[in-house]
Amino acid sequence: MTTQGIGLEVRRRLSARRTAEIIADELRRQIIDGELADGDVLPRQEVLVEQFDVSLVSLREALRILETEGLVSVRRGNRGGAVVHAPAKASAAYMLGLLLQSDYVPLGDLGTALQELEPMCAALAARRADRADELVPTLREINQAMAESIDDGARFTEIGNQFHDEVVRGCGNHTMIAVVGSLETLWTSHLQQWADETAARGEYPSMSKRRVALNIHNKITDAILAGDGERARRLAARHLADTQTYFMAGDPEQRIVALSPQAMARRRH
């Protein structure tokens, strides 16, 4: 191939790449704005090619971009098509996890971050004017479910993780919810694996320790209801420190391992 031919080929590929990015930008906008809802199936590729007036190569590259971002999943075969996935904290947690895993970050580093940030969410939740109507009833339901599952260690932990998720969501600050929620999701994937394995070996924390965990969940809920942000923060910080100490004792050197949203969903089921 001549030098001129190589130049033409490079320009052709760059042009296709730019076209793909334009298509991806538009489809991404539609997903974020809700014009394409979670679970929607995009039209067939030949329809999209005609709609955007582009080549099949550019369209497929655009779908690969969105698939990498976790915004679509492309199915092959007779039931083929691209399924839309609305942005979710599981996807953000996965990308963050990959970054931390690539830097060989220990799990304790993530735990320290949560010890600083999640108690702040508890304090913010206690300042919400609508906490008694919008948050506390949900926390009470979760605590009741924990009490009913106290004999099942893995299930007890799974429900307890929901409590922490709700405290984060209940802070009312969308940036904190996105950031801390992603960290919480990443931590939960490791904690649930530990709970499943220790329960299977019969080594899950004693009943007395489970009651202590449930009791402090109730106290955090009471502090949020009372509007006592400082007490909610202190209780949450102490609870996280105690839980992490016990969890990390078995393998203090363990590293963060990112799990894809699909893998986390399979683990939950």
C-alpha atoms as a PDB file:
ATOM      1  CA  MET A   1       0.000   0.000   0.000  1.00  0.00           C
ATOM      2  CA  THR A   2       1.307   3.467  -0.875  1.00  0.00           C
ATOM      3  CA  THR A   3       1.847   6.227   1.663  1.00  0.00           C
ATOM      4  CA  GLN A   4      -1.099   8.045   0.109  1.00  0.00           C
ATOM      5  CA  GLY A   5      -3.230   4.904   0.502  1.00  0.00           C
ATOM      6  CA  ILE A   6      -2.285   4.620   4.165  1.00  0.00           C
ATOM      7  CA  GLY A   7      -3.255   8.254   4.649  1.00  0.00           C
ATOM      8  CA  LEU A   8      -6.647   7.694   3.047  1.00  0.00           C
ATOM      9  CA  GLU A   9      -7.280   4.610   5.190  1.00  0.00           C
ATOM     10  CA  VAL A  10      -6.399   6.509   8.378  1.00  0.00           C
ATOM     11  CA  ARG A  11      -8.659   9.403   7.400  1.00  0.00           C
ATOM     12  CA  ARG A  12     -11.470   6.946   6.643  1.00  0.00           C
ATOM     13  CA  ARG A  13     -11.145   5.339  10.063  1.00  0.00           C
ATOM     14  CA  LEU A  14     -10.973   8.688  11.832  1.00  0.00           C
ATOM     15  CA  SER A  15     -14.063   9.846   9.980  1.00  0.00           C
ATOM     16  CA  ALA A  16     -15.943   6.685  10.964  1.00  0.00           C
ATOM     17  CA  ARG A  17     -14.828   7.166  14.566  1.00  0.00           C
ATOM     18  CA  ARG A  18     -16.053  10.759  14.659  1.00  0.00           C
ATOM     19  CA  THR A  19     -19.369   9.710  13.135  1.00  0.00           C
ATOM     20  CA  ALA A  20     -19.702   6.940  15.731  1.00  0.00           C
ATOM     21  CA  GLU A  21     -19.072   9.422  18.547  1.00  0.00           C
ATOM     22  CA  ILE A  22     -21.794  11.728  17.196  1.00  0.00           C
ATOM     23  CA  ILE A  23     -24.276   8.837  17.094  1.00  0.00           C
ATOM     24  CA  ALA A  24     -23.231   7.709  20.587  1.00  0.00           C
ATOM     25  CA  ASP A  25     -23.632  11.272  21.880  1.00  0.00           C
ATOM     26  CA  GLU A  26     -27.208  11.450  20.584  1.00  0.00           C
ATOM     27  CA  LEU A  27     -28.246   8.035  21.889  1.00  0.00           C
ATOM     28  CA  ARG A  28     -26.569   8.787  25.223  1.00  0.00           C
ATOM     29  CA  ARG A  29     -28.513  12.047  25.471  1.00  0.00           C
ATOM     30  CA  GLN A  30     -31.781  10.220  24.806  1.00  0.00           C
ATOM     31  CA  ILE A  31     -30.993   7.685  27.546  1.00  0.00           C
ATOM     32  CA  ILE A  32     -29.990  10.312  30.103  1.00  0.00           C
ATOM     33  CA  ASP A  33     -33.002  12.516  29.305  1.00  0.00           C
ATOM     34  CA  GLY A  34     -35.341   9.549  29.648  1.00  0.00           C
ATOM     35  CA  GLU A  35     -36.458   9.526  26.020  1.00  0.00           C
ATOM     36  CA  LEU A  36     -35.112   5.971  25.984  1.00  0.00           C
ATOM     37  CA  ALA A  37     -36.110   4.193  29.188  1.00  0.00           C
ATOM     38  CA  ASP A  38     -34.325   1.455  31.059  1.00  0.00           C
ATOM     39  CA  GLY A  39     -35.131  -1.864  29.383  1.00  0.00           C
ATOM     40  CA  ASP A  40     -36.141  -0.365  26.043  1.00  0.00           C
ATOM     41  CA  VAL A  41     -34.820  -2.153  22.966  1.00  0.00           C
ATOM     42  CA  LEU A  42     -33.312   0.046  20.269  1.00  0.00           C
ATOM     43  CA  PRO A  43     -34.616  -0.338  16.725  1.00  0.00           C
ATOM     44  CA  ARG A  44     -32.860  -2.843  14.480  1.00  0.00           C
ATOM     45  CA  GLN A  45     -29.476  -1.773  13.206  1.00  0.00           C
ATOM     46  CA  GLU A  46     -30.688  -1.339   9.633  1.00  0.00           C
ATOM     47  CA  VAL A  47     -33.366   1.039  10.930  1.00  0.00           C
ATOM     48  CA  LEU A  48     -30.813   3.043  12.913  1.00  0.00           C
ATOM     49  CA  VAL A  49     -28.500   3.184   9.906  1.00  0.00           C
ATOM     50  CA  GLU A  50     -31.292   4.762   7.896  1.00  0.00           C
ATOM     51  CA  GLN A  51     -32.386   7.021  10.755  1.00  0.00           C
ATOM     52  CA  PHE A  52     -28.891   8.477  11.279  1.00  0.00           C
ATOM     53  CA  ASP A  53     -27.910   8.195   7.600  1.00  0.00           C
ATOM     54  CA  VAL A  54     -24.596   6.532   8.464  1.00  0.00           C
ATOM     55  CA  SER A  55     -22.734   3.350   7.599  1.00  0.00           C
ATOM     56  CA  LEU A  56     -23.246   0.103   9.483  1.00  0.00           C
ATOM     57  CA  VAL A  57     -19.592   0.287  10.581  1.00  0.00           C
ATOM     58  CA  SER A  58     -20.137   3.672  12.263  1.00  0.00           C
ATOM     59  CA  LEU A  59     -23.343   2.533  13.934  1.00  0.00           C
ATOM     60  CA  ARG A  60     -21.761  -0.601  15.355  1.00  0.00           C
ATOM     61  CA  GLU A  61     -18.839   1.423  16.678  1.00  0.00           C
ATOM     62  CA  ALA A  62     -21.316   3.791  18.372  1.00  0.00           C
ATOM     63  CA  LEU A  63     -23.058   0.842  20.025  1.00  0.00           C
ATOM     64  CA  ARG A  64     -19.683  -0.491  21.192  1.00  0.00           C
ATOM     65  CA  ILE A  65     -18.975   2.876  22.819  1.00  0.00           C
ATOM     66  CA  LEU A  66     -22.295   2.816  24.658  1.00  0.00           C
ATOM     67  CA  GLU A  67     -21.839  -0.841  25.615  1.00  0.00           C
ATOM     68  CA  THR A  68     -18.466  -0.015  27.161  1.00  0.00           C
ATOM     69  CA  GLU A  69     -20.174   2.721  29.176  1.00  0.00           C
ATOM     70  CA  GLY A  70     -22.806   0.253  30.380  1.00  0.00           C
ATOM     71  CA  LEU A  71     -25.640   2.191  28.717  1.00  0.00           C
ATOM     72  CA  VAL A  72     -26.618  -0.599  26.314  1.00  0.00           C
ATOM     73  CA  SER A  73     -26.047  -4.318  26.027  1.00  0.00           C
ATOM     74  CA  VAL A  74     -26.020  -5.794  22.534  1.00  0.00           C
ATOM     75  CA  ARG A  75     -27.740  -9.161  22.152  1.00  0.00           C
ATOM     76  CA  ARG A  76     -26.868 -11.458  19.289  1.00  0.00           C
ATOM     77  CA  GLY A  77     -28.967 -14.070  17.502  1.00  0.00           C
ATOM     78  CA  ASN A  78     -32.664 -14.208  16.690  1.00  0.00           C
ATOM     79  CA  ARG A  79     -33.531 -12.064  19.704  1.00  0.00           C
ATOM     80  CA  GLY A  80     -30.796  -9.614  18.885  1.00  0.00           C
ATOM     81  CA  GLY A  81     -30.887  -5.899  19.508  1.00  0.00           C
ATOM     82  CA  ALA A  82     -29.453  -3.327  21.879  1.00  0.00           C
ATOM     83  CA  VAL A  83     -31.130  -3.092  25.286  1.00  0.00           C
ATOM     84  CA  VAL A  84     -31.022   0.268  27.068  1.00  0.00           C
ATOM     85  CA  HIS A  85     -29.654   0.550  30.612  1.00  0.00           C
ATOM     86  CA  ALA A  86     -30.266   3.781  32.496  1.00  0.00           C
ATOM     87  CA  PRO A  87     -27.199   5.087  34.384  1.00  0.00           C
ATOM     88  CA  ALA A  88     -26.935   3.216  37.683  1.00  0.00           C
ATOM     89  CA  LYS A  89     -24.607   3.276  40.672  1.00  0.00           C
ATOM     90  CA  ALA A  90     -23.664  -0.350  39.959  1.00  0.00           C
ATOM     91  CA  SER A  91     -22.103   0.754  36.664  1.00  0.00           C
ATOM     92  CA  ALA A  92     -20.334   3.682  38.324  1.00  0.00           C
ATOM     93  CA  ALA A  93     -19.120   1.367  41.091  1.00  0.00           C
ATOM     94  CA  TYR A  94     -17.751  -1.042  38.499  1.00  0.00           C
ATOM     95  CA  MET A  95     -15.749   1.617  36.675  1.00  0.00           C
ATOM     96  CA  LEU A  96     -14.476   3.022  39.989  1.00  0.00           C
ATOM     97  CA  GLY A  97     -13.621  -0.503  41.089  1.00  0.00           C
ATOM     98  CA  LEU A  98     -11.622  -1.133  37.925  1.00  0.00           C
ATOM     99  CA  LEU A  99      -9.642   2.057  38.552  1.00  0.00           C
ATOM    100  CA  LEU A 100      -8.888   1.109  42.170  1.00  0.00           C
ATOM    101  CA  GLN A 101      -8.137  -2.494  41.241  1.00  0.00           C
ATOM    102  CA  SER A 102      -5.676  -1.377  38.561  1.00  0.00           C
ATOM    103  CA  ASP A 103      -3.869   0.681  41.216  1.00  0.00           C
ATOM    104  CA  TYR A 104      -3.780  -2.339  43.590  1.00  0.00           C
ATOM    105  CA  VAL A 105      -5.719  -0.413  46.225  1.00  0.00           C
ATOM    106  CA  PRO A 106      -6.369  -2.445  49.407  1.00  0.00           C
ATOM    107  CA  LEU A 107      -9.953  -2.903  50.536  1.00  0.00           C
ATOM    108  CA  GLY A 108      -9.107  -1.141  53.799  1.00  0.00           C
ATOM    109  CA  ASP A 109      -8.536   2.061  51.829  1.00  0.00           C
ATOM    110  CA  LEU A 110     -12.131   1.888  50.583  1.00  0.00           C
ATOM    111  CA  GLY A 111     -13.301   1.157  54.127  1.00  0.00           C
ATOM    112  CA  THR A 112     -11.546   4.266  55.444  1.00  0.00           C
ATOM    113  CA  ALA A 113     -13.255   6.416  52.820  1.00  0.00           C
ATOM    114  CA  LEU A 114     -16.654   5.049  53.829  1.00  0.00           C
ATOM    115  CA  GLN A 115     -15.909   5.638  57.507  1.00  0.00           C
ATOM    116  CA  GLU A 116     -15.484   9.332  56.677  1.00  0.00           C
ATOM    117  CA  LEU A 117     -18.274   9.772  54.129  1.00  0.00           C
ATOM    118  CA  GLU A 118     -21.209   7.576  55.156  1.00  0.00           C
ATOM    119  CA  PRO A 119     -21.537   9.153  58.640  1.00  0.00           C
ATOM    120  CA  MET A 120     -21.825  12.515  56.880  1.00  0.00           C
ATOM    121  CA  CYS A 121     -24.788  11.095  54.968  1.00  0.00           C
ATOM    122  CA  ALA A 122     -26.399  10.021  58.244  1.00  0.00           C
ATOM    123  CA  ALA A 123     -25.952  13.542  59.629  1.00  0.00           C
ATOM    124  CA  LEU A 124     -27.465  15.110  56.508  1.00  0.00           C
ATOM    125  CA  ALA A 125     -30.389  12.676  56.656  1.00  0.00           C
ATOM    126  CA  ALA A 126     -31.123  13.822  60.221  1.00  0.00           C
ATOM    127  CA  ARG A 127     -31.460  17.405  58.962  1.00  0.00           C
ATOM    128  CA  ARG A 128     -34.094  16.608  56.338  1.00  0.00           C
ATOM    129  CA  ALA A 129     -37.442  18.175  57.145  1.00  0.00           C
ATOM    130  CA  ASP A 130     -39.299  15.229  55.611  1.00  0.00           C
ATOM    131  CA  ARG A 131     -37.215  12.493  57.273  1.00  0.00           C
ATOM    132  CA  ALA A 132     -40.099  11.222  59.433  1.00  0.00           C
ATOM    133  CA  ASP A 133     -42.266  10.616  56.371  1.00  0.00           C
ATOM    134  CA  GLU A 134     -39.793   9.771  53.620  1.00  0.00           C
ATOM    135  CA  LEU A 135     -36.851   7.982  55.254  1.00  0.00           C
ATOM    136  CA  VAL A 136     -37.478   6.726  58.771  1.00  0.00           C
ATOM    137  CA  PRO A 137     -40.371   4.371  57.860  1.00  0.00           C
ATOM    138  CA  THR A 138     -38.138   2.644  55.290  1.00  0.00           C
ATOM    139  CA  LEU A 139     -35.319   2.297  57.818  1.00  0.00           C
ATOM    140  CA  ARG A 140     -37.769   0.845  60.353  1.00  0.00           C
ATOM    141  CA  GLU A 141     -38.967  -1.718  57.798  1.00  0.00           C
ATOM    142  CA  ILE A 142     -35.403  -2.750  57.012  1.00  0.00           C
ATOM    143  CA  ASN A 143     -34.561  -3.114  60.696  1.00  0.00           C
ATOM    144  CA  GLN A 144     -37.645  -5.260  61.207  1.00  0.00           C
ATOM    145  CA  ALA A 145     -36.645  -7.446  58.270  1.00  0.00           C
ATOM    146  CA  MET A 146     -33.162  -7.801  59.769  1.00  0.00           C
ATOM    147  CA  ALA A 147     -34.702  -8.913  63.069  1.00  0.00           C
ATOM    148  CA  GLU A 148     -36.801 -11.512  61.274  1.00  0.00           C
ATOM    149  CA  SER A 149     -33.723 -12.859  59.427  1.00  0.00           C
ATOM    150  CA  ILE A 150     -31.307 -12.767  62.336  1.00  0.00           C
ATOM    151  CA  ASP A 151     -30.863 -16.561  62.211  1.00  0.00           C
ATOM    152  CA  ASP A 152     -29.718 -16.435  58.559  1.00  0.00           C
ATOM    153  CA  GLY A 153     -26.305 -14.769  58.531  1.00  0.00           C
ATOM    154  CA  ALA A 154     -25.985 -14.140  54.794  1.00  0.00           C
ATOM    155  CA  ARG A 155     -29.544 -12.824  54.517  1.00  0.00           C
ATOM    156  CA  PHE A 156     -29.048 -10.696  57.633  1.00  0.00           C
ATOM    157  CA  THR A 157     -26.034  -9.046  56.000  1.00  0.00           C
ATOM    158  CA  GLU A 158     -27.864  -8.546  52.704  1.00  0.00           C
ATOM    159  CA  ILE A 159     -30.713  -6.719  54.443  1.00  0.00           C
ATOM    160  CA  GLY A 160     -28.245  -4.758  56.565  1.00  0.00           C
ATOM    161  CA  ASN A 161     -26.572  -3.536  53.389  1.00  0.00           C
ATOM    162  CA  GLN A 162     -29.946  -2.149  52.308  1.00  0.00           C
ATOM    163  CA  PHE A 163     -30.017  -0.080  55.497  1.00  0.00           C
ATOM    164  CA  HIS A 164     -26.702   1.552  54.592  1.00  0.00           C
ATOM    165  CA  ASP A 165     -27.907   2.176  51.039  1.00  0.00           C
ATOM    166  CA  GLU A 166     -31.036   3.913  52.354  1.00  0.00           C
ATOM    167  CA  VAL A 167     -29.052   6.104  54.757  1.00  0.00           C
ATOM    168  CA  VAL A 168     -26.913   7.262  51.835  1.00  0.00           C
ATOM    169  CA  ARG A 169     -29.938   7.867  49.602  1.00  0.00           C
ATOM    170  CA  GLY A 170     -31.676   9.588  52.480  1.00  0.00           C
ATOM    171  CA  CYS A 171     -29.041  12.290  52.807  1.00  0.00           C
ATOM    172  CA  GLY A 172     -30.828  14.298  50.107  1.00  0.00           C
ATOM    173  CA  ASN A 173     -27.654  15.491  48.371  1.00  0.00           C
ATOM    174  CA  HIS A 174     -27.524  14.054  44.860  1.00  0.00           C
ATOM    175  CA  THR A 175     -23.754  14.336  44.513  1.00  0.00           C
ATOM    176  CA  MET A 176     -23.184  12.525  47.808  1.00  0.00           C
ATOM    177  CA  ILE A 177     -25.714   9.884  46.799  1.00  0.00           C
ATOM    178  CA  ALA A 178     -23.880   9.234  43.524  1.00  0.00           C
ATOM    179  CA  VAL A 179     -20.361   9.235  44.970  1.00  0.00           C
ATOM    180  CA  VAL A 180     -20.936   7.517  48.316  1.00  0.00           C
ATOM    181  CA  GLY A 181     -23.528   5.202  46.778  1.00  0.00           C
ATOM    182  CA  SER A 182     -20.933   3.952  44.291  1.00  0.00           C
ATOM    183  CA  LEU A 183     -18.428   3.352  47.076  1.00  0.00           C
ATOM    184  CA  GLU A 184     -21.111   1.605  49.120  1.00  0.00           C
ATOM    185  CA  THR A 185     -21.989  -0.666  46.210  1.00  0.00           C
ATOM    186  CA  LEU A 186     -18.335  -1.591  45.701  1.00  0.00           C
ATOM    187  CA  TRP A 187     -17.896  -2.335  49.415  1.00  0.00           C
ATOM    188  CA  THR A 188     -21.138  -4.327  49.584  1.00  0.00           C
ATOM    189  CA  SER A 189     -20.012  -6.682  46.819  1.00  0.00           C
ATOM    190  CA  HIS A 190     -17.056  -7.729  48.985  1.00  0.00           C
ATOM    191  CA  LEU A 191     -19.013  -7.786  52.232  1.00  0.00           C
ATOM    192  CA  GLN A 192     -21.761 -10.001  50.798  1.00  0.00           C
ATOM    193  CA  GLN A 193     -19.233 -12.481  49.445  1.00  0.00           C
ATOM    194  CA  TRP A 194     -17.656 -12.654  52.907  1.00  0.00           C
ATOM    195  CA  ALA A 195     -21.083 -13.163  54.517  1.00  0.00           C
ATOM    196  CA  ASP A 196     -22.003 -15.954  52.094  1.00  0.00           C
ATOM    197  CA  GLU A 197     -18.700 -17.758  52.621  1.00  0.00           C
ATOM    198  CA  THR A 198     -18.546 -17.428  56.411  1.00  0.00           C
ATOM    199  CA  ALA A 199     -22.191 -18.471  56.771  1.00  0.00           C
ATOM    200  CA  ALA A 200     -21.547 -21.543  54.612  1.00  0.00           C
ATOM    201  CA  ARG A 201     -18.598 -22.483  56.842  1.00  0.00           C
ATOM    202  CA  GLY A 202     -20.603 -21.873  60.004  1.00  0.00           C
ATOM    203  CA  GLU A 203     -18.256 -19.048  61.008  1.00  0.00           C
ATOM    204  CA  TYR A 204     -20.629 -16.099  60.699  1.00  0.00           C
ATOM    205  CA  PRO A 205     -20.549 -13.653  63.664  1.00  0.00           C
ATOM    206  CA  SER A 206     -22.304 -14.818  66.806  1.00  0.00           C
ATOM    207  CA  MET A 207     -25.925 -14.069  67.595  1.00  0.00           C
ATOM    208  CA  SER A 208     -24.832 -11.512  70.181  1.00  0.00           C
ATOM    209  CA  LYS A 209     -22.844  -9.603  67.549  1.00  0.00           C
ATOM    210  CA  ARG A 210     -25.832  -9.658  65.208  1.00  0.00           C
ATOM    211  CA  ARG A 211     -28.028  -8.201  67.933  1.00  0.00           C
ATOM    212  CA  VAL A 212     -25.448  -5.480  68.555  1.00  0.00           C
ATOM    213  CA  ALA A 213     -25.479  -4.583  64.827  1.00  0.00           C
ATOM    214  CA  LEU A 214     -29.273  -4.499  64.754  1.00  0.00           C
ATOM    215  CA  ASN A 215     -29.384  -2.420  67.921  1.00  0.00           C
ATOM    216  CA  ILE A 216     -27.083   0.233  66.500  1.00  0.00           C
ATOM    217  CA  HIS A 217     -29.146   0.351  63.309  1.00  0.00           C
ATOM    218  CA  ASN A 218     -32.151   1.123  65.495  1.00  0.00           C
ATOM    219  CA  LYS A 219     -30.200   3.798  67.364  1.00  0.00           C
ATOM    220  CA  ILE A 220     -29.084   5.443  64.111  1.00  0.00           C
ATOM    221  CA  THR A 221     -32.709   5.438  62.962  1.00  0.00           C
ATOM    222  CA  ASP A 222     -33.818   7.032  66.256  1.00  0.00           C
ATOM    223  CA  ALA A 223     -31.134   9.717  65.966  1.00  0.00           C
ATOM    224  CA  ILE A 224     -32.191  10.546  62.409  1.00  0.00           C
ATOM    225  CA  LEU A 225     -35.827  10.765  63.487  1.00  0.00           C
ATOM    226  CA  ALA A 226     -34.878  13.049  66.391  1.00  0.00           C
ATOM    227  CA  GLY A 227     -32.962  15.323  64.034  1.00  0.00           C
ATOM    228  CA  ASP A 228     -29.749  14.727  65.995  1.00  0.00           C
ATOM    229  CA  GLY A 229     -27.240  14.822  63.170  1.00  0.00           C
ATOM    230  CA  GLU A 230     -24.175  14.679  65.391  1.00  0.00           C
ATOM    231  CA  ARG A 231     -25.390  11.572  67.224  1.00  0.00           C
ATOM    232  CA  ALA A 232     -26.342   9.906  63.936  1.00  0.00           C
ATOM    233  CA  ARG A 233     -22.868  10.662  62.589  1.00  0.00           C
ATOM    234  CA  ARG A 234     -21.094   9.288  65.679  1.00  0.00           C
ATOM    235  CA  LEU A 235     -23.168   6.118  65.768  1.00  0.00           C
ATOM    236  CA  ALA A 236     -22.655   5.466  62.059  1.00  0.00           C
ATOM    237  CA  ALA A 237     -18.903   6.018  62.336  1.00  0.00           C
ATOM    238  CA  ARG A 238     -18.589   3.632  65.293  1.00  0.00           C
ATOM    239  CA  HIS A 239     -20.742   1.000  63.602  1.00  0.00           C
ATOM    240  CA  LEU A 240     -18.722   1.114  60.372  1.00  0.00           C
ATOM    241  CA  ALA A 241     -15.429   0.893  62.255  1.00  0.00           C
ATOM    242  CA  ASP A 242     -16.626  -2.138  64.250  1.00  0.00           C
ATOM    243  CA  THR A 243     -18.035  -3.912  61.206  1.00  0.00           C
ATOM    244  CA  GLN A 244     -14.968  -3.297  59.090  1.00  0.00           C
ATOM    245  CA  THR A 245     -12.615  -4.475  61.829  1.00  0.00           C
ATOM    246  CA  TYR A 246     -14.419  -7.797  62.019  1.00  0.00           C
ATOM    247  CA  PHE A 247     -14.785  -8.153  58.253  1.00  0.00           C
ATOM    248  CA  MET A 248     -11.148  -7.325  57.490  1.00  0.00           C
ATOM    249  CA  ALA A 249      -9.691  -9.508  60.238  1.00  0.00           C
ATOM    250  CA  GLY A 250      -9.728 -12.625  58.081  1.00  0.00           C
ATOM    251  CA  ASP A 251      -7.654 -11.095  55.277  1.00  0.00           C
ATOM    252  CA  PRO A 252      -6.249  -7.645  56.143  1.00  0.00           C
ATOM    253  CA  GLU A 253      -4.220  -7.486  52.907  1.00  0.00           C
ATOM    254  CA  GLN A 254      -7.072  -8.207  50.498  1.00  0.00           C
ATOM    255  CA  ARG A 255      -7.364  -5.965  47.461  1.00  0.00           C
ATOM    256  CA  ILE A 256     -10.346  -4.393  45.782  1.00  0.00           C
ATOM    257  CA  VAL A 257     -11.780  -6.537  42.988  1.00  0.00           C
ATOM    258  CA  ALA A 258     -14.315  -4.954  40.657  1.00  0.00           C
ATOM    259  CA  LEU A 259     -17.464  -6.908  39.857  1.00  0.00           C
ATOM    260  CA  SER A 260     -19.545  -6.065  36.787  1.00  0.00           C
ATOM    261  CA  PRO A 261     -23.215  -5.119  37.364  1.00  0.00           C
ATOM    262  CA  GLN A 262     -24.174  -8.430  35.759  1.00  0.00           C
ATOM    263  CA  ALA A 263     -21.961 -10.392  38.162  1.00  0.00           C
ATOM    264  CA  MET A 264     -23.376  -8.521  41.156  1.00  0.00           C
ATOM    265  CA  ALA A 265     -26.904  -9.245  39.977  1.00  0.00           C
ATOM    266  CA  ARG A 266     -26.105 -12.969  39.660  1.00  0.00           C
ATOM    267  CA  ARG A 267     -24.631 -12.962  43.149  1.00  0.00           C
ATOM    268  CA  ARG A 268     -27.801 -11.418  44.594  1.00  0.00           C
ATOM    269  CA  HIS A 269     -29.857 -14.213  43.004  1.00  0.00           C
END
